[in-house]
Amino acid sequence: MHMEQVKLTINGIEYTSIGTYMDNNDGIFHYLPDSEKEIDWINFFELQDSIILLWSLSYLHYEFPACTAVFGKVIKFIIQADENRLALFLKKYCWQNTLDVMFIDFIFGKYSSYGNIKTFPSIIYNGILISKGEFEFGNHVFIESRRHNEFMGELDILKQLVIKNLKAKYL
């Protein structure tokens, strides 16, 4: 999916959006392909926003091998595309389905109704201080901008390895 590049300054630190998601009763299952077909998973990895891919990889890794009962052997080829690289990536960014502190998530994170900080942060967008009532990016997850390119590069490497592994095993 093509994502609008949103940059905000939150409490004096610049952040960049890595994608959007919605709060739903199914969690990450809402986004995952309900399929064991390789082409559906290839399309998923090619089209989804970065935040969806990050949470999906974290969930599939953390819940593996239980996920094979739901999604079949295709999950094995996702997790094992480069298992060591995946584990290092997840430990850095989203270990056991928990985002690292370099991220800000307004739906479930520290500034959400579920979070532990009840005061809305200072947010500057396009040079203008934004109040809580004017804030339009509550469905985005943001990463510290200084970490954005590193994160995107590492995610892209994993994404390409997964797609390559799926294509090699199934097509």
N, C-alpha and C. Protein backbone atom coordinates (compact mmCIF):
# COMPACT_ATOMS: atom_id res chain seq x y z
N MET A 1 0.85 -1.17 0.00
CA MET A 1 0.00 0.00 0.00
C MET A 1 0.90 1.24 0.00
N HIS A 2 0.47 2.25 -0.70
CA HIS A 2 1.23 3.50 -0.69
C HIS A 2 0.82 4.30 0.54
N MET A 3 1.83 4.74 1.25
CA MET A 3 1.56 5.44 2.50
C MET A 3 1.99 6.89 2.39
N GLU A 4 1.15 7.76 2.91
CA GLU A 4 1.50 9.17 3.01
C GLU A 4 2.66 9.31 3.99
N GLN A 5 3.70 10.04 3.59
CA GLN A 5 4.86 10.26 4.46
C GLN A 5 4.54 11.40 5.42
N VAL A 6 4.18 11.05 6.65
CA VAL A 6 3.82 12.04 7.66
C VAL A 6 4.98 12.20 8.62
N LYS A 7 5.39 13.45 8.85
CA LYS A 7 6.44 13.75 9.82
C LYS A 7 5.88 14.71 10.85
N LEU A 8 6.13 14.38 12.11
CA LEU A 8 5.68 15.20 13.23
C LEU A 8 6.85 15.41 14.19
N THR A 9 6.78 16.46 14.94
CA THR A 9 7.68 16.63 16.07
C THR A 9 6.85 16.40 17.32
N ILE A 10 7.22 15.37 18.08
CA ILE A 10 6.47 14.99 19.28
C ILE A 10 7.40 15.18 20.47
N ASN A 11 6.99 16.08 21.34
CA ASN A 11 7.81 16.40 22.52
C ASN A 11 9.26 16.70 22.15
N GLY A 12 9.43 17.45 21.05
CA GLY A 12 10.75 17.91 20.64
C GLY A 12 11.55 16.92 19.80
N ILE A 13 11.02 15.75 19.52
CA ILE A 13 11.73 14.73 18.72
C ILE A 13 10.97 14.52 17.42
N GLU A 14 11.70 14.50 16.30
CA GLU A 14 11.06 14.30 15.00
C GLU A 14 10.75 12.82 14.79
N TYR A 15 9.51 12.55 14.34
CA TYR A 15 9.04 11.19 14.06
C TYR A 15 8.51 11.13 12.63
N THR A 16 8.59 9.93 12.05
CA THR A 16 8.09 9.67 10.71
C THR A 16 7.14 8.47 10.77
N SER A 17 6.02 8.57 10.09
CA SER A 17 5.05 7.48 10.06
C SER A 17 5.61 6.28 9.31
N ILE A 18 5.30 5.08 9.84
CA ILE A 18 5.64 3.85 9.12
C ILE A 18 4.38 3.11 8.69
N GLY A 19 3.25 3.78 8.75
CA GLY A 19 2.03 3.19 8.27
C GLY A 19 0.87 3.37 9.22
N THR A 20 -0.28 2.91 8.75
CA THR A 20 -1.51 3.04 9.51
C THR A 20 -2.11 1.67 9.78
N TYR A 21 -2.95 1.63 10.78
CA TYR A 21 -3.75 0.45 11.06
C TYR A 21 -4.98 0.90 11.81
N MET A 22 -5.91 -0.01 11.97
CA MET A 22 -7.12 0.34 12.71
C MET A 22 -7.27 -0.62 13.88
N ASP A 23 -7.87 -0.12 14.93
CA ASP A 23 -8.20 -0.95 16.09
C ASP A 23 -9.36 -1.85 15.67
N ASN A 24 -9.19 -3.14 15.84
CA ASN A 24 -10.25 -4.08 15.49
C ASN A 24 -10.21 -5.25 16.46
N ASN A 25 -11.24 -6.02 16.46
CA ASN A 25 -11.33 -7.14 17.40
C ASN A 25 -10.43 -8.31 17.03
N ASP A 26 -9.94 -8.35 15.81
CA ASP A 26 -9.14 -9.48 15.35
C ASP A 26 -7.64 -9.26 15.50
N GLY A 27 -7.23 -8.07 15.90
CA GLY A 27 -5.79 -7.79 15.99
C GLY A 27 -5.14 -7.93 14.63
N ILE A 28 -3.93 -8.45 14.61
CA ILE A 28 -3.19 -8.57 13.35
C ILE A 28 -3.84 -9.57 12.40
N PHE A 29 -4.66 -10.50 12.92
CA PHE A 29 -5.36 -11.45 12.05
C PHE A 29 -6.21 -10.75 11.00
N HIS A 30 -6.71 -9.57 11.33
CA HIS A 30 -7.52 -8.82 10.37
C HIS A 30 -6.74 -8.56 9.08
N TYR A 31 -5.45 -8.42 9.17
CA TYR A 31 -4.61 -8.07 8.02
C TYR A 31 -3.99 -9.27 7.32
N LEU A 32 -3.74 -10.34 8.06
CA LEU A 32 -3.06 -11.51 7.49
C LEU A 32 -3.94 -12.20 6.45
N PRO A 33 -3.32 -12.72 5.39
CA PRO A 33 -4.10 -13.47 4.41
C PRO A 33 -4.70 -14.72 5.05
N ASP A 34 -5.94 -14.97 4.78
CA ASP A 34 -6.60 -16.18 5.28
C ASP A 34 -6.38 -17.27 4.23
N SER A 35 -5.12 -17.66 4.10
CA SER A 35 -4.76 -18.51 2.99
C SER A 35 -3.45 -19.24 3.25
N GLU A 36 -3.32 -20.40 2.64
CA GLU A 36 -2.05 -21.13 2.64
C GLU A 36 -1.36 -20.98 1.28
N LYS A 37 -1.92 -20.17 0.40
CA LYS A 37 -1.37 -20.01 -0.96
C LYS A 37 -0.22 -19.02 -0.94
N GLU A 38 0.87 -19.42 -1.57
CA GLU A 38 2.07 -18.58 -1.60
C GLU A 38 1.83 -17.23 -2.25
N ILE A 39 1.04 -17.17 -3.29
CA ILE A 39 0.83 -15.91 -4.00
C ILE A 39 0.11 -14.89 -3.10
N ASP A 40 -0.79 -15.36 -2.24
CA ASP A 40 -1.48 -14.45 -1.32
C ASP A 40 -0.50 -13.85 -0.32
N TRP A 41 0.45 -14.64 0.16
CA TRP A 41 1.45 -14.15 1.11
C TRP A 41 2.49 -13.27 0.42
N ILE A 42 2.83 -13.60 -0.80
CA ILE A 42 3.75 -12.74 -1.57
C ILE A 42 3.12 -11.37 -1.77
N ASN A 43 1.86 -11.36 -2.18
CA ASN A 43 1.15 -10.09 -2.36
C ASN A 43 1.06 -9.32 -1.04
N PHE A 44 0.81 -10.01 0.05
CA PHE A 44 0.75 -9.38 1.37
C PHE A 44 2.07 -8.67 1.67
N PHE A 45 3.19 -9.36 1.48
CA PHE A 45 4.49 -8.76 1.79
C PHE A 45 4.85 -7.64 0.80
N GLU A 46 4.32 -7.69 -0.38
CA GLU A 46 4.61 -6.63 -1.36
C GLU A 46 3.75 -5.39 -1.14
N LEU A 47 2.56 -5.54 -0.56
CA LEU A 47 1.60 -4.44 -0.55
C LEU A 47 1.33 -3.77 0.79
N GLN A 48 1.59 -4.44 1.90
CA GLN A 48 1.20 -3.89 3.20
C GLN A 48 2.14 -2.80 3.69
N ASP A 49 1.59 -1.89 4.51
CA ASP A 49 2.38 -0.86 5.19
C ASP A 49 3.40 -1.52 6.10
N SER A 50 4.45 -0.81 6.37
CA SER A 50 5.55 -1.32 7.19
C SER A 50 5.11 -1.74 8.58
N ILE A 51 4.21 -1.00 9.21
CA ILE A 51 3.78 -1.36 10.56
C ILE A 51 3.05 -2.69 10.55
N ILE A 52 2.28 -2.95 9.52
CA ILE A 52 1.55 -4.23 9.43
C ILE A 52 2.55 -5.37 9.25
N LEU A 53 3.56 -5.16 8.42
CA LEU A 53 4.58 -6.20 8.23
C LEU A 53 5.36 -6.44 9.51
N LEU A 54 5.72 -5.38 10.22
CA LEU A 54 6.46 -5.53 11.47
C LEU A 54 5.65 -6.34 12.48
N TRP A 55 4.41 -5.96 12.71
CA TRP A 55 3.59 -6.69 13.67
C TRP A 55 3.30 -8.12 13.21
N SER A 56 3.13 -8.30 11.90
CA SER A 56 2.88 -9.65 11.38
C SER A 56 4.09 -10.55 11.61
N LEU A 57 5.26 -10.06 11.28
CA LEU A 57 6.47 -10.87 11.49
C LEU A 57 6.66 -11.17 12.97
N SER A 58 6.42 -10.19 13.82
CA SER A 58 6.56 -10.39 15.26
C SER A 58 5.58 -11.45 15.74
N TYR A 59 4.34 -11.33 15.33
CA TYR A 59 3.32 -12.29 15.74
C TYR A 59 3.65 -13.70 15.23
N LEU A 60 3.95 -13.82 13.95
CA LEU A 60 4.22 -15.13 13.36
C LEU A 60 5.44 -15.78 14.00
N HIS A 61 6.46 -14.98 14.30
CA HIS A 61 7.67 -15.51 14.94
C HIS A 61 7.37 -15.92 16.38
N TYR A 62 6.68 -15.09 17.11
CA TYR A 62 6.39 -15.34 18.52
C TYR A 62 5.45 -16.53 18.69
N GLU A 63 4.50 -16.67 17.80
CA GLU A 63 3.49 -17.73 17.91
C GLU A 63 3.84 -18.99 17.10
N PHE A 64 4.97 -18.96 16.40
CA PHE A 64 5.40 -20.13 15.64
C PHE A 64 5.79 -21.22 16.63
N PRO A 65 5.43 -22.46 16.50
CA PRO A 65 4.81 -23.11 15.36
C PRO A 65 3.28 -23.17 15.39
N ALA A 66 2.65 -22.60 16.41
CA ALA A 66 1.18 -22.65 16.49
C ALA A 66 0.52 -22.07 15.24
N CYS A 67 1.17 -21.11 14.60
CA CYS A 67 0.59 -20.49 13.40
C CYS A 67 0.48 -21.46 12.23
N THR A 68 1.28 -22.50 12.24
CA THR A 68 1.21 -23.45 11.14
C THR A 68 -0.14 -24.16 11.11
N ALA A 69 -0.78 -24.30 12.26
CA ALA A 69 -2.11 -24.92 12.30
C ALA A 69 -3.14 -24.07 11.58
N VAL A 70 -2.93 -22.75 11.57
CA VAL A 70 -3.87 -21.83 10.93
C VAL A 70 -3.48 -21.57 9.47
N PHE A 71 -2.20 -21.32 9.23
CA PHE A 71 -1.76 -20.89 7.90
C PHE A 71 -0.98 -21.94 7.13
N GLY A 72 -0.75 -23.08 7.71
CA GLY A 72 -0.06 -24.15 7.01
C GLY A 72 1.44 -23.94 6.91
N LYS A 73 2.05 -24.73 6.04
CA LYS A 73 3.52 -24.72 5.94
C LYS A 73 4.08 -23.43 5.35
N VAL A 74 3.24 -22.59 4.77
CA VAL A 74 3.72 -21.33 4.22
C VAL A 74 4.41 -20.50 5.31
N ILE A 75 3.94 -20.60 6.54
CA ILE A 75 4.52 -19.84 7.64
C ILE A 75 5.96 -20.27 7.89
N LYS A 76 6.22 -21.56 7.75
CA LYS A 76 7.59 -22.07 7.93
C LYS A 76 8.54 -21.37 6.97
N PHE A 77 8.11 -21.17 5.74
CA PHE A 77 8.99 -20.54 4.74
C PHE A 77 9.12 -19.04 4.96
N ILE A 78 8.18 -18.45 5.65
CA ILE A 78 8.31 -17.03 6.02
C ILE A 78 9.30 -16.90 7.18
N ILE A 79 9.09 -17.66 8.22
CA ILE A 79 9.94 -17.58 9.42
C ILE A 79 11.37 -18.03 9.12
N GLN A 80 11.50 -19.04 8.29
CA GLN A 80 12.82 -19.60 8.04
C GLN A 80 13.54 -18.99 6.83
N ALA A 81 13.01 -17.91 6.28
CA ALA A 81 13.69 -17.26 5.16
C ALA A 81 15.10 -16.85 5.59
N ASP A 82 15.22 -16.30 6.77
CA ASP A 82 16.51 -16.02 7.42
C ASP A 82 16.19 -15.83 8.90
N GLU A 83 16.09 -16.95 9.60
CA GLU A 83 15.60 -16.95 10.97
C GLU A 83 16.45 -16.11 11.92
N ASN A 84 17.77 -16.15 11.75
CA ASN A 84 18.65 -15.36 12.62
C ASN A 84 18.46 -13.87 12.38
N ARG A 85 18.40 -13.47 11.11
CA ARG A 85 18.20 -12.06 10.78
C ARG A 85 16.85 -11.58 11.32
N LEU A 86 15.82 -12.41 11.17
CA LEU A 86 14.49 -12.06 11.66
C LEU A 86 14.51 -11.87 13.17
N ALA A 87 15.13 -12.79 13.90
CA ALA A 87 15.17 -12.68 15.36
C ALA A 87 15.90 -11.41 15.79
N LEU A 88 17.01 -11.10 15.16
CA LEU A 88 17.75 -9.87 15.50
C LEU A 88 16.93 -8.63 15.19
N PHE A 89 16.26 -8.63 14.05
CA PHE A 89 15.39 -7.52 13.65
C PHE A 89 14.28 -7.31 14.67
N LEU A 90 13.61 -8.40 15.05
CA LEU A 90 12.50 -8.29 16.00
C LEU A 90 12.97 -7.88 17.38
N LYS A 91 14.11 -8.38 17.83
CA LYS A 91 14.64 -7.96 19.14
C LYS A 91 14.91 -6.47 19.16
N LYS A 92 15.27 -5.94 18.03
CA LYS A 92 15.57 -4.51 17.92
C LYS A 92 14.31 -3.65 17.84
N TYR A 93 13.27 -4.13 17.14
CA TYR A 93 12.13 -3.28 16.83
C TYR A 93 10.80 -3.70 17.47
N CYS A 94 10.55 -4.99 17.62
CA CYS A 94 9.22 -5.41 18.09
C CYS A 94 9.30 -6.82 18.67
N TRP A 95 9.93 -6.95 19.82
CA TRP A 95 10.11 -8.26 20.42
C TRP A 95 8.85 -8.71 21.14
N GLN A 96 8.42 -9.93 20.84
CA GLN A 96 7.24 -10.54 21.44
C GLN A 96 6.03 -9.63 21.37
N ASN A 97 5.81 -9.09 20.19
CA ASN A 97 4.65 -8.25 19.86
C ASN A 97 4.60 -6.92 20.60
N THR A 98 5.74 -6.45 21.10
CA THR A 98 5.80 -5.18 21.80
C THR A 98 6.76 -4.24 21.07
N LEU A 99 6.24 -3.11 20.61
CA LEU A 99 7.07 -2.14 19.90
C LEU A 99 8.14 -1.56 20.82
N ASP A 100 9.33 -1.32 20.26
CA ASP A 100 10.40 -0.68 20.99
C ASP A 100 10.01 0.78 21.30
N VAL A 101 10.72 1.40 22.24
CA VAL A 101 10.41 2.77 22.66
C VAL A 101 10.68 3.81 21.58
N MET A 102 11.36 3.43 20.49
CA MET A 102 11.59 4.38 19.39
C MET A 102 10.31 4.67 18.60
N PHE A 103 9.25 3.90 18.87
CA PHE A 103 7.96 4.04 18.18
C PHE A 103 6.96 4.75 19.07
N ILE A 104 6.02 5.44 18.42
CA ILE A 104 4.85 5.98 19.11
C ILE A 104 3.61 5.49 18.37
N ASP A 105 2.75 4.83 19.13
CA ASP A 105 1.50 4.25 18.63
C ASP A 105 0.36 4.93 19.39
N PHE A 106 -0.46 5.69 18.67
CA PHE A 106 -1.54 6.43 19.33
C PHE A 106 -2.79 5.60 19.58
N ILE A 107 -2.87 4.38 19.06
CA ILE A 107 -4.04 3.54 19.31
C ILE A 107 -3.86 2.72 20.59
N PHE A 108 -2.69 2.07 20.73
CA PHE A 108 -2.46 1.22 21.89
C PHE A 108 -1.26 1.66 22.74
N GLY A 109 -0.52 2.64 22.31
CA GLY A 109 0.70 3.04 22.99
C GLY A 109 0.49 3.92 24.20
N LYS A 110 1.58 4.51 24.66
CA LYS A 110 1.57 5.25 25.93
C LYS A 110 0.64 6.46 25.95
N TYR A 111 0.33 7.06 24.78
CA TYR A 111 -0.57 8.22 24.75
C TYR A 111 -2.01 7.85 24.43
N SER A 112 -2.29 6.57 24.28
CA SER A 112 -3.65 6.12 23.97
C SER A 112 -4.47 5.98 25.26
N SER A 113 -5.73 5.67 25.09
CA SER A 113 -6.58 5.45 26.27
C SER A 113 -6.12 4.22 27.06
N TYR A 114 -5.34 3.33 26.42
CA TYR A 114 -4.79 2.15 27.10
C TYR A 114 -3.45 2.45 27.77
N GLY A 115 -2.86 3.57 27.41
CA GLY A 115 -1.51 3.89 27.86
C GLY A 115 -1.43 4.47 29.25
N ASN A 116 -0.20 4.69 29.68
CA ASN A 116 0.04 5.18 31.03
C ASN A 116 0.27 6.69 31.10
N ILE A 117 0.28 7.38 29.96
CA ILE A 117 0.45 8.83 29.95
C ILE A 117 -0.85 9.45 29.48
N LYS A 118 -1.51 10.14 30.36
CA LYS A 118 -2.85 10.68 30.06
C LYS A 118 -2.80 12.09 29.47
N THR A 119 -1.64 12.75 29.53
CA THR A 119 -1.49 14.08 28.96
C THR A 119 -1.11 13.97 27.50
N PHE A 120 -1.83 14.67 26.63
CA PHE A 120 -1.52 14.64 25.20
C PHE A 120 -0.17 15.32 24.98
N PRO A 121 0.69 14.73 24.16
CA PRO A 121 2.02 15.30 23.97
C PRO A 121 1.99 16.60 23.16
N SER A 122 3.09 17.31 23.19
CA SER A 122 3.27 18.48 22.33
C SER A 122 3.59 17.98 20.93
N ILE A 123 2.72 18.30 19.97
CA ILE A 123 2.90 17.82 18.59
C ILE A 123 2.92 19.01 17.65
N ILE A 124 3.96 19.07 16.85
CA ILE A 124 4.08 20.10 15.83
C ILE A 124 4.03 19.42 14.47
N TYR A 125 3.12 19.90 13.63
CA TYR A 125 2.96 19.37 12.27
C TYR A 125 3.00 20.55 11.31
N ASN A 126 3.90 20.51 10.35
CA ASN A 126 4.09 21.60 9.40
C ASN A 126 4.28 22.94 10.10
N GLY A 127 5.02 22.92 11.19
CA GLY A 127 5.34 24.15 11.91
C GLY A 127 4.24 24.67 12.83
N ILE A 128 3.15 23.93 12.97
CA ILE A 128 2.01 24.38 13.77
C ILE A 128 1.79 23.42 14.93
N LEU A 129 1.63 23.97 16.13
CA LEU A 129 1.31 23.17 17.31
C LEU A 129 -0.11 22.64 17.16
N ILE A 130 -0.28 21.33 17.29
CA ILE A 130 -1.57 20.68 17.07
C ILE A 130 -2.17 20.28 18.42
N SER A 131 -3.43 20.61 18.63
CA SER A 131 -4.12 20.20 19.85
C SER A 131 -4.67 18.78 19.65
N LYS A 132 -5.08 18.16 20.74
CA LYS A 132 -5.63 16.80 20.68
C LYS A 132 -6.84 16.75 19.74
N GLY A 133 -7.68 17.76 19.79
CA GLY A 133 -8.87 17.81 18.94
C GLY A 133 -8.55 17.97 17.46
N GLU A 134 -7.40 18.53 17.13
CA GLU A 134 -6.99 18.73 15.74
C GLU A 134 -6.13 17.59 15.20
N PHE A 135 -5.72 16.68 16.06
CA PHE A 135 -4.81 15.61 15.67
C PHE A 135 -5.50 14.61 14.76
N GLU A 136 -4.96 14.43 13.54
CA GLU A 136 -5.59 13.59 12.52
C GLU A 136 -4.80 12.32 12.22
N PHE A 137 -3.78 12.01 13.01
CA PHE A 137 -2.89 10.90 12.67
C PHE A 137 -2.90 9.81 13.74
N GLY A 138 -4.02 9.66 14.43
CA GLY A 138 -4.13 8.69 15.51
C GLY A 138 -4.07 7.24 15.06
N ASN A 139 -4.23 6.99 13.76
CA ASN A 139 -4.15 5.62 13.26
C ASN A 139 -2.77 5.29 12.68
N HIS A 140 -1.82 6.21 12.84
CA HIS A 140 -0.44 5.99 12.38
C HIS A 140 0.43 5.47 13.52
N VAL A 141 1.48 4.77 13.15
CA VAL A 141 2.55 4.45 14.09
C VAL A 141 3.77 5.20 13.58
N PHE A 142 4.44 5.88 14.49
CA PHE A 142 5.59 6.71 14.15
C PHE A 142 6.87 6.13 14.75
N ILE A 143 7.96 6.31 14.01
CA ILE A 143 9.29 5.93 14.47
C ILE A 143 10.13 7.20 14.53
N GLU A 144 11.07 7.26 15.46
CA GLU A 144 11.99 8.39 15.49
C GLU A 144 12.61 8.54 14.10
N SER A 145 12.55 9.72 13.54
CA SER A 145 13.01 9.94 12.16
C SER A 145 14.47 9.53 11.97
N ARG A 146 15.29 9.70 12.98
CA ARG A 146 16.70 9.33 12.84
C ARG A 146 16.88 7.82 12.68
N ARG A 147 15.86 7.03 13.01
CA ARG A 147 15.91 5.57 12.88
C ARG A 147 15.11 5.05 11.68
N HIS A 148 14.38 5.94 11.03
CA HIS A 148 13.46 5.55 9.96
C HIS A 148 14.15 4.81 8.81
N ASN A 149 15.19 5.40 8.24
CA ASN A 149 15.85 4.78 7.08
C ASN A 149 16.47 3.43 7.44
N GLU A 150 17.06 3.35 8.61
CA GLU A 150 17.65 2.09 9.08
C GLU A 150 16.57 1.01 9.20
N PHE A 151 15.47 1.36 9.84
CA PHE A 151 14.36 0.42 10.00
C PHE A 151 13.82 -0.02 8.64
N MET A 152 13.54 0.93 7.78
CA MET A 152 12.97 0.61 6.47
C MET A 152 13.92 -0.27 5.66
N GLY A 153 15.21 0.02 5.71
CA GLY A 153 16.20 -0.79 5.00
C GLY A 153 16.24 -2.22 5.51
N GLU A 154 16.24 -2.39 6.83
CA GLU A 154 16.28 -3.73 7.42
C GLU A 154 14.98 -4.49 7.13
N LEU A 155 13.86 -3.80 7.20
CA LEU A 155 12.58 -4.44 6.89
C LEU A 155 12.54 -4.85 5.42
N ASP A 156 13.04 -4.00 4.54
CA ASP A 156 13.03 -4.33 3.11
C ASP A 156 13.88 -5.56 2.82
N ILE A 157 15.03 -5.69 3.47
CA ILE A 157 15.87 -6.88 3.28
C ILE A 157 15.09 -8.13 3.70
N LEU A 158 14.45 -8.09 4.86
CA LEU A 158 13.66 -9.23 5.32
C LEU A 158 12.50 -9.53 4.38
N LYS A 159 11.83 -8.49 3.96
CA LYS A 159 10.70 -8.64 3.05
C LYS A 159 11.13 -9.33 1.76
N GLN A 160 12.24 -8.89 1.19
CA GLN A 160 12.74 -9.48 -0.05
C GLN A 160 13.17 -10.94 0.16
N LEU A 161 13.79 -11.24 1.31
CA LEU A 161 14.17 -12.62 1.62
C LEU A 161 12.95 -13.52 1.74
N VAL A 162 11.91 -13.02 2.40
CA VAL A 162 10.67 -13.80 2.55
C VAL A 162 10.04 -14.05 1.18
N ILE A 163 9.92 -13.01 0.38
CA ILE A 163 9.32 -13.15 -0.95
C ILE A 163 10.13 -14.13 -1.80
N LYS A 164 11.43 -13.99 -1.78
CA LYS A 164 12.32 -14.88 -2.55
C LYS A 164 12.14 -16.33 -2.08
N ASN A 165 12.09 -16.54 -0.76
CA ASN A 165 11.93 -17.88 -0.22
C ASN A 165 10.58 -18.48 -0.59
N LEU A 166 9.53 -17.67 -0.52
CA LEU A 166 8.21 -18.15 -0.90
C LEU A 166 8.15 -18.51 -2.39
N LYS A 167 8.73 -17.68 -3.22
CA LYS A 167 8.74 -17.95 -4.65
C LYS A 167 9.55 -19.21 -4.97
N ALA A 168 10.67 -19.40 -4.29
CA ALA A 168 11.52 -20.57 -4.53
C ALA A 168 10.84 -21.86 -4.09
N LYS A 169 10.08 -21.81 -3.04
CA LYS A 169 9.45 -23.02 -2.50
C LYS A 169 8.15 -23.40 -3.22
N TYR A 170 7.46 -22.39 -3.73
CA TYR A 170 6.13 -22.65 -4.24
C TYR A 170 5.92 -22.41 -5.73
N LEU A 171 6.62 -21.48 -6.29
CA LEU A 171 6.33 -21.15 -7.71
C LEU A 171 7.19 -21.94 -8.68
